[in-house]
Amino acid sequence: MILSVPAWGKRPQGTMTNVLIVDDDVALCQIMATVLSNVGYSVTVTHEGRHALEAITQRSYEVAIVDLLIPHMNGIEIIRELKRVTPGIGLILVSGLLPEMGTSSALSGVMKLQKPFRRDDLLEIVARCAAHATVSDGTDSPRAA
């Protein structure tokens, strides 16, 4: 299932930034979607990797927040595919297992957010990721900060 949450409130940097959340924790997705949409991000939520891959064929995303442990397709596999299909997308890996994770070439350039996290940490990392995304306007230059 793919759920889009309309943005309302103040738009970050005067632009509409599309954020894809991929996490099987429904409650956490609702919280992240609410926090992000309240400050002006346009948010799409999916709970499975295959739905995330479907979503990126329907819309352009500047940022994707991907949980490491998702049924049927792990977060690293999803990140590999997002990088392949949408070069320049800002990627954030969220997990409670980050300190135990080894380094993977698939995670090169991927920001990491340790669960549990605070609202301000989420907003800060998404804003940084969006500022460096290069997919929204079809150019290879980062978005204006």
N, C-alpha and C. Protein backbone atom coordinates (compact mmCIF):
# COMPACT_ATOMS: atom_id res chain seq x y z
N MET A 1 0.83 -1.18 0.00
CA MET A 1 0.00 0.00 0.00
C MET A 1 0.88 1.24 0.00
N ILE A 2 0.47 2.23 -0.79
CA ILE A 2 1.17 3.50 -0.88
C ILE A 2 0.21 4.57 -0.37
N LEU A 3 0.66 5.36 0.59
CA LEU A 3 -0.15 6.41 1.18
C LEU A 3 0.54 7.74 1.00
N SER A 4 -0.14 8.70 0.38
CA SER A 4 0.42 10.04 0.24
C SER A 4 -0.19 10.96 1.28
N VAL A 5 0.65 11.75 1.91
CA VAL A 5 0.21 12.70 2.93
C VAL A 5 0.42 14.10 2.36
N PRO A 6 -0.65 14.86 2.18
CA PRO A 6 -0.47 16.20 1.62
C PRO A 6 0.29 17.10 2.59
N ALA A 7 1.09 17.96 2.03
CA ALA A 7 1.85 18.90 2.86
C ALA A 7 0.97 20.07 3.26
N TRP A 8 1.19 20.57 4.44
CA TRP A 8 0.55 21.80 4.89
C TRP A 8 1.50 22.47 5.85
N GLY A 9 1.29 23.73 6.07
CA GLY A 9 2.22 24.45 6.92
C GLY A 9 3.30 25.11 6.08
N LYS A 10 4.37 25.48 6.72
CA LYS A 10 5.48 26.18 6.07
C LYS A 10 6.28 25.24 5.19
N ARG A 11 6.53 25.64 3.96
CA ARG A 11 7.35 24.84 3.05
C ARG A 11 8.83 25.12 3.30
N PRO A 12 9.65 24.06 3.42
CA PRO A 12 11.08 24.27 3.62
C PRO A 12 11.71 25.00 2.43
N GLN A 13 12.42 26.06 2.70
CA GLN A 13 13.17 26.82 1.70
C GLN A 13 12.29 27.27 0.53
N GLY A 14 10.98 27.38 0.71
CA GLY A 14 10.10 27.86 -0.34
C GLY A 14 9.89 26.86 -1.46
N THR A 15 10.25 25.61 -1.28
CA THR A 15 10.07 24.61 -2.33
C THR A 15 9.25 23.44 -1.80
N MET A 16 8.69 22.67 -2.71
CA MET A 16 7.99 21.46 -2.32
C MET A 16 8.97 20.30 -2.50
N THR A 17 9.30 19.67 -1.42
CA THR A 17 10.22 18.54 -1.44
C THR A 17 9.42 17.27 -1.21
N ASN A 18 9.56 16.32 -2.12
CA ASN A 18 8.87 15.04 -2.01
C ASN A 18 9.75 14.05 -1.25
N VAL A 19 9.16 13.46 -0.20
CA VAL A 19 9.87 12.51 0.65
C VAL A 19 9.14 11.17 0.60
N LEU A 20 9.91 10.11 0.38
CA LEU A 20 9.38 8.74 0.41
C LEU A 20 9.85 8.08 1.70
N ILE A 21 8.90 7.54 2.47
CA ILE A 21 9.23 6.81 3.70
C ILE A 21 8.94 5.34 3.45
N VAL A 22 9.93 4.48 3.72
CA VAL A 22 9.78 3.04 3.54
C VAL A 22 10.09 2.37 4.88
N ASP A 23 9.05 1.94 5.58
CA ASP A 23 9.23 1.33 6.90
C ASP A 23 8.00 0.49 7.19
N ASP A 24 8.19 -0.69 7.76
CA ASP A 24 7.06 -1.56 8.07
C ASP A 24 6.40 -1.22 9.40
N ASP A 25 6.97 -0.28 10.15
CA ASP A 25 6.39 0.16 11.42
C ASP A 25 5.36 1.25 11.11
N VAL A 26 4.09 0.85 11.08
CA VAL A 26 3.01 1.75 10.67
C VAL A 26 2.94 2.99 11.58
N ALA A 27 3.05 2.79 12.88
CA ALA A 27 2.97 3.92 13.82
C ALA A 27 4.11 4.91 13.59
N LEU A 28 5.32 4.41 13.43
CA LEU A 28 6.46 5.30 13.19
C LEU A 28 6.29 6.05 11.87
N CYS A 29 5.79 5.38 10.85
CA CYS A 29 5.54 6.04 9.57
C CYS A 29 4.55 7.18 9.73
N GLN A 30 3.50 6.95 10.50
CA GLN A 30 2.50 8.00 10.71
C GLN A 30 3.12 9.20 11.42
N ILE A 31 3.95 8.93 12.40
CA ILE A 31 4.61 10.02 13.14
C ILE A 31 5.54 10.79 12.20
N MET A 32 6.40 10.08 11.46
CA MET A 32 7.33 10.76 10.56
C MET A 32 6.57 11.55 9.50
N ALA A 33 5.53 10.96 8.93
CA ALA A 33 4.75 11.64 7.89
C ALA A 33 4.10 12.91 8.44
N THR A 34 3.57 12.83 9.64
CA THR A 34 2.93 14.00 10.25
C THR A 34 3.95 15.10 10.52
N VAL A 35 5.07 14.73 11.13
CA VAL A 35 6.11 15.72 11.44
C VAL A 35 6.58 16.41 10.16
N LEU A 36 6.87 15.62 9.12
CA LEU A 36 7.40 16.19 7.89
C LEU A 36 6.35 17.00 7.12
N SER A 37 5.13 16.50 7.05
CA SER A 37 4.09 17.25 6.31
C SER A 37 3.71 18.53 7.04
N ASN A 38 3.81 18.54 8.36
CA ASN A 38 3.48 19.76 9.12
C ASN A 38 4.42 20.92 8.83
N VAL A 39 5.63 20.62 8.36
CA VAL A 39 6.56 21.70 8.01
C VAL A 39 6.67 21.90 6.50
N GLY A 40 5.82 21.22 5.74
CA GLY A 40 5.73 21.51 4.32
C GLY A 40 6.26 20.48 3.36
N TYR A 41 6.76 19.37 3.84
CA TYR A 41 7.19 18.31 2.92
C TYR A 41 5.98 17.55 2.40
N SER A 42 6.04 17.09 1.17
CA SER A 42 5.03 16.21 0.62
C SER A 42 5.53 14.78 0.84
N VAL A 43 4.76 13.97 1.56
CA VAL A 43 5.25 12.67 2.03
C VAL A 43 4.43 11.53 1.44
N THR A 44 5.13 10.51 0.99
CA THR A 44 4.51 9.25 0.58
C THR A 44 5.07 8.16 1.48
N VAL A 45 4.18 7.30 1.99
CA VAL A 45 4.57 6.23 2.90
C VAL A 45 4.30 4.88 2.24
N THR A 46 5.29 3.99 2.33
CA THR A 46 5.10 2.60 1.91
C THR A 46 5.64 1.70 3.02
N HIS A 47 5.11 0.50 3.07
CA HIS A 47 5.52 -0.43 4.12
C HIS A 47 6.28 -1.65 3.59
N GLU A 48 6.48 -1.70 2.29
CA GLU A 48 7.23 -2.80 1.67
C GLU A 48 8.11 -2.26 0.56
N GLY A 49 9.22 -2.95 0.33
CA GLY A 49 10.15 -2.54 -0.70
C GLY A 49 9.54 -2.48 -2.08
N ARG A 50 8.72 -3.46 -2.43
CA ARG A 50 8.13 -3.47 -3.79
C ARG A 50 7.22 -2.27 -3.99
N HIS A 51 6.54 -1.83 -2.92
CA HIS A 51 5.70 -0.64 -3.03
C HIS A 51 6.54 0.61 -3.19
N ALA A 52 7.70 0.64 -2.55
CA ALA A 52 8.61 1.78 -2.70
C ALA A 52 9.09 1.88 -4.14
N LEU A 53 9.43 0.74 -4.72
CA LEU A 53 9.91 0.75 -6.10
C LEU A 53 8.80 1.14 -7.07
N GLU A 54 7.58 0.78 -6.74
CA GLU A 54 6.42 1.20 -7.53
C GLU A 54 6.23 2.72 -7.40
N ALA A 55 6.36 3.23 -6.19
CA ALA A 55 6.14 4.66 -5.94
C ALA A 55 7.12 5.53 -6.73
N ILE A 56 8.38 5.10 -6.86
CA ILE A 56 9.35 5.94 -7.55
C ILE A 56 9.14 5.96 -9.06
N THR A 57 8.31 5.06 -9.57
CA THR A 57 7.97 5.12 -11.00
C THR A 57 6.82 6.10 -11.24
N GLN A 58 6.12 6.48 -10.17
CA GLN A 58 4.96 7.35 -10.30
C GLN A 58 5.23 8.81 -9.95
N ARG A 59 6.36 9.06 -9.28
CA ARG A 59 6.63 10.41 -8.79
C ARG A 59 8.14 10.57 -8.57
N SER A 60 8.62 11.79 -8.66
CA SER A 60 10.02 12.07 -8.39
C SER A 60 10.18 12.43 -6.91
N TYR A 61 11.15 11.83 -6.26
CA TYR A 61 11.42 12.08 -4.85
C TYR A 61 12.82 12.64 -4.69
N GLU A 62 12.95 13.65 -3.83
CA GLU A 62 14.25 14.21 -3.52
C GLU A 62 14.91 13.44 -2.37
N VAL A 63 14.08 12.90 -1.47
CA VAL A 63 14.58 12.22 -0.28
C VAL A 63 13.81 10.92 -0.07
N ALA A 64 14.53 9.87 0.33
CA ALA A 64 13.90 8.61 0.75
C ALA A 64 14.46 8.23 2.11
N ILE A 65 13.54 7.90 3.02
CA ILE A 65 13.90 7.42 4.35
C ILE A 65 13.58 5.94 4.36
N VAL A 66 14.60 5.10 4.53
CA VAL A 66 14.43 3.65 4.38
C VAL A 66 14.86 2.94 5.65
N ASP A 67 13.97 2.10 6.17
CA ASP A 67 14.31 1.27 7.32
C ASP A 67 15.19 0.11 6.86
N LEU A 68 16.09 -0.31 7.71
CA LEU A 68 16.99 -1.40 7.36
C LEU A 68 16.27 -2.74 7.25
N LEU A 69 15.39 -3.03 8.21
CA LEU A 69 14.74 -4.33 8.26
C LEU A 69 13.28 -4.23 7.81
N ILE A 70 13.04 -4.65 6.58
CA ILE A 70 11.70 -4.62 6.00
C ILE A 70 11.42 -5.99 5.40
N PRO A 71 10.21 -6.51 5.58
CA PRO A 71 9.89 -7.83 5.01
C PRO A 71 10.03 -7.84 3.48
N HIS A 72 10.45 -8.96 2.96
CA HIS A 72 10.54 -9.26 1.53
C HIS A 72 11.69 -8.58 0.79
N MET A 73 12.29 -7.54 1.36
CA MET A 73 13.37 -6.83 0.69
C MET A 73 14.01 -5.95 1.75
N ASN A 74 15.29 -6.15 2.05
CA ASN A 74 15.88 -5.34 3.13
C ASN A 74 16.22 -3.93 2.65
N GLY A 75 16.47 -3.06 3.61
CA GLY A 75 16.72 -1.66 3.31
C GLY A 75 17.90 -1.43 2.39
N ILE A 76 18.94 -2.23 2.51
CA ILE A 76 20.11 -2.06 1.64
C ILE A 76 19.75 -2.38 0.19
N GLU A 77 18.94 -3.42 -0.02
CA GLU A 77 18.48 -3.73 -1.38
C GLU A 77 17.63 -2.60 -1.95
N ILE A 78 16.77 -2.04 -1.12
CA ILE A 78 15.94 -0.92 -1.57
C ILE A 78 16.81 0.27 -1.92
N ILE A 79 17.79 0.58 -1.08
CA ILE A 79 18.69 1.70 -1.34
C ILE A 79 19.46 1.49 -2.65
N ARG A 80 19.96 0.29 -2.87
CA ARG A 80 20.66 0.00 -4.14
C ARG A 80 19.77 0.31 -5.34
N GLU A 81 18.52 -0.13 -5.26
CA GLU A 81 17.59 0.08 -6.37
C GLU A 81 17.22 1.55 -6.51
N LEU A 82 17.01 2.25 -5.41
CA LEU A 82 16.71 3.68 -5.48
C LEU A 82 17.86 4.45 -6.11
N LYS A 83 19.10 4.10 -5.75
CA LYS A 83 20.27 4.75 -6.35
C LYS A 83 20.33 4.48 -7.85
N ARG A 84 20.00 3.26 -8.25
CA ARG A 84 20.05 2.90 -9.67
C ARG A 84 18.98 3.63 -10.47
N VAL A 85 17.77 3.65 -9.95
CA VAL A 85 16.64 4.21 -10.68
C VAL A 85 16.58 5.74 -10.57
N THR A 86 17.00 6.28 -9.43
CA THR A 86 16.90 7.72 -9.18
C THR A 86 18.24 8.27 -8.69
N PRO A 87 19.22 8.37 -9.58
CA PRO A 87 20.50 8.92 -9.16
C PRO A 87 20.30 10.34 -8.61
N GLY A 88 20.98 10.66 -7.55
CA GLY A 88 20.87 11.99 -6.97
C GLY A 88 19.85 12.10 -5.85
N ILE A 89 19.07 11.04 -5.62
CA ILE A 89 18.11 11.08 -4.53
C ILE A 89 18.86 11.08 -3.20
N GLY A 90 18.40 11.87 -2.25
CA GLY A 90 18.99 11.88 -0.92
C GLY A 90 18.46 10.69 -0.14
N LEU A 91 19.35 9.90 0.42
CA LEU A 91 18.96 8.67 1.09
C LEU A 91 19.31 8.70 2.57
N ILE A 92 18.34 8.27 3.38
CA ILE A 92 18.54 8.18 4.83
C ILE A 92 18.16 6.77 5.25
N LEU A 93 19.10 6.07 5.88
CA LEU A 93 18.84 4.74 6.42
C LEU A 93 18.52 4.88 7.89
N VAL A 94 17.38 4.34 8.33
CA VAL A 94 17.02 4.38 9.74
C VAL A 94 17.01 2.96 10.29
N SER A 95 17.54 2.81 11.49
CA SER A 95 17.57 1.49 12.12
C SER A 95 17.99 1.62 13.57
N GLY A 96 17.58 0.66 14.36
CA GLY A 96 18.08 0.55 15.71
C GLY A 96 19.39 -0.21 15.76
N LEU A 97 19.84 -0.73 14.61
CA LEU A 97 21.04 -1.57 14.54
C LEU A 97 22.25 -0.86 13.95
N LEU A 98 22.19 0.43 13.76
CA LEU A 98 23.28 1.13 13.06
C LEU A 98 24.65 0.92 13.67
N PRO A 99 24.83 0.96 15.01
CA PRO A 99 26.19 0.78 15.53
C PRO A 99 26.77 -0.60 15.20
N GLU A 100 25.93 -1.62 15.07
CA GLU A 100 26.44 -2.96 14.78
C GLU A 100 26.68 -3.21 13.30
N MET A 101 26.19 -2.31 12.44
CA MET A 101 26.33 -2.51 11.00
C MET A 101 27.76 -2.29 10.56
N GLY A 102 28.22 -3.13 9.67
CA GLY A 102 29.51 -2.91 9.04
C GLY A 102 29.34 -1.90 7.93
N THR A 103 30.42 -1.56 7.27
CA THR A 103 30.32 -0.64 6.15
C THR A 103 29.99 -1.44 4.89
N SER A 104 29.19 -0.87 4.06
CA SER A 104 28.79 -1.50 2.81
C SER A 104 28.92 -0.47 1.71
N SER A 105 29.41 -0.88 0.55
CA SER A 105 29.54 0.07 -0.55
C SER A 105 28.17 0.59 -0.97
N ALA A 106 27.11 -0.19 -0.74
CA ALA A 106 25.76 0.25 -1.06
C ALA A 106 25.35 1.44 -0.21
N LEU A 107 26.00 1.62 0.95
CA LEU A 107 25.64 2.71 1.85
C LEU A 107 26.50 3.95 1.67
N SER A 108 27.35 3.94 0.66
CA SER A 108 28.18 5.11 0.37
C SER A 108 27.28 6.29 0.03
N GLY A 109 27.49 7.41 0.72
CA GLY A 109 26.69 8.60 0.47
C GLY A 109 25.32 8.59 1.13
N VAL A 110 25.03 7.56 1.91
CA VAL A 110 23.73 7.44 2.57
C VAL A 110 23.86 7.98 3.99
N MET A 111 22.96 8.89 4.36
CA MET A 111 22.94 9.39 5.74
C MET A 111 22.26 8.35 6.63
N LYS A 112 22.63 8.33 7.89
CA LYS A 112 22.09 7.33 8.80
C LYS A 112 21.46 8.01 10.00
N LEU A 113 20.32 7.44 10.45
CA LEU A 113 19.60 7.98 11.59
C LEU A 113 19.26 6.82 12.51
N GLN A 114 19.79 6.88 13.72
CA GLN A 114 19.63 5.82 14.72
C GLN A 114 18.25 5.90 15.37
N LYS A 115 17.53 4.78 15.41
CA LYS A 115 16.27 4.70 16.16
C LYS A 115 16.60 4.40 17.61
N PRO A 116 15.87 4.91 18.55
CA PRO A 116 14.85 5.96 18.39
C PRO A 116 15.51 7.31 18.15
N PHE A 117 14.80 8.18 17.47
CA PHE A 117 15.35 9.50 17.19
C PHE A 117 14.33 10.57 17.60
N ARG A 118 14.82 11.79 17.74
CA ARG A 118 13.97 12.91 18.12
C ARG A 118 13.43 13.60 16.86
N ARG A 119 12.34 14.30 17.03
CA ARG A 119 11.71 15.05 15.94
C ARG A 119 12.72 15.98 15.28
N ASP A 120 13.47 16.73 16.09
CA ASP A 120 14.44 17.68 15.54
C ASP A 120 15.54 16.99 14.75
N ASP A 121 15.94 15.79 15.18
CA ASP A 121 16.95 15.03 14.43
C ASP A 121 16.41 14.64 13.05
N LEU A 122 15.16 14.21 13.01
CA LEU A 122 14.52 13.85 11.73
C LEU A 122 14.46 15.06 10.81
N LEU A 123 13.98 16.18 11.32
CA LEU A 123 13.86 17.38 10.49
C LEU A 123 15.22 17.86 9.99
N GLU A 124 16.24 17.80 10.84
CA GLU A 124 17.57 18.24 10.44
C GLU A 124 18.16 17.37 9.33
N ILE A 125 18.06 16.07 9.48
CA ILE A 125 18.68 15.18 8.48
C ILE A 125 17.92 15.22 7.16
N VAL A 126 16.60 15.36 7.21
CA VAL A 126 15.82 15.46 5.97
C VAL A 126 16.14 16.77 5.26
N ALA A 127 16.26 17.86 6.00
CA ALA A 127 16.61 19.15 5.39
C ALA A 127 17.99 19.10 4.74
N ARG A 128 18.96 18.48 5.43
CA ARG A 128 20.32 18.35 4.84
C ARG A 128 20.28 17.50 3.59
N CYS A 129 19.55 16.41 3.65
CA CYS A 129 19.44 15.50 2.51
C CYS A 129 18.78 16.21 1.32
N ALA A 130 17.70 16.92 1.58
CA ALA A 130 16.98 17.63 0.52
C ALA A 130 17.85 18.70 -0.12
N ALA A 131 18.67 19.37 0.69
CA ALA A 131 19.53 20.43 0.18
C ALA A 131 20.57 19.89 -0.80
N HIS A 132 20.93 18.61 -0.67
CA HIS A 132 21.94 18.02 -1.54
C HIS A 132 21.36 17.14 -2.64
N ALA A 133 20.04 17.00 -2.67
CA ALA A 133 19.40 16.17 -3.70
C ALA A 133 19.56 16.84 -5.06
N THR A 134 19.71 16.02 -6.08
CA THR A 134 19.89 16.55 -7.44
C THR A 134 18.85 16.01 -8.40
N VAL A 135 17.71 15.54 -7.91
CA VAL A 135 16.73 14.92 -8.80
C VAL A 135 15.53 15.79 -9.11
N SER A 136 15.23 16.82 -8.35
CA SER A 136 13.96 17.52 -8.49
C SER A 136 13.83 18.35 -9.75
N ASP A 137 14.92 18.95 -10.21
CA ASP A 137 14.79 19.85 -11.34
C ASP A 137 15.48 19.34 -12.60
N GLY A 138 15.94 18.09 -12.56
CA GLY A 138 16.57 17.51 -13.73
C GLY A 138 17.99 17.93 -13.97
N THR A 139 18.60 18.66 -13.03
CA THR A 139 19.98 19.08 -13.20
C THR A 139 20.87 18.27 -12.28
N ASP A 140 22.16 18.45 -12.47
CA ASP A 140 23.11 17.74 -11.62
C ASP A 140 23.63 18.63 -10.49
N SER A 141 23.03 19.79 -10.30
CA SER A 141 23.49 20.67 -9.23
C SER A 141 22.58 20.54 -8.03
N PRO A 142 23.14 20.66 -6.83
CA PRO A 142 22.30 20.56 -5.63
C PRO A 142 21.25 21.66 -5.60
N ARG A 143 20.15 21.36 -4.91
CA ARG A 143 19.09 22.36 -4.74
C ARG A 143 19.61 23.50 -3.88
N ALA A 144 19.06 24.67 -4.11
CA ALA A 144 19.46 25.82 -3.30
C ALA A 144 19.09 25.60 -1.85
N ALA A 145 20.00 25.95 -0.96
CA ALA A 145 19.74 25.75 0.46
C ALA A 145 19.04 26.92 1.07
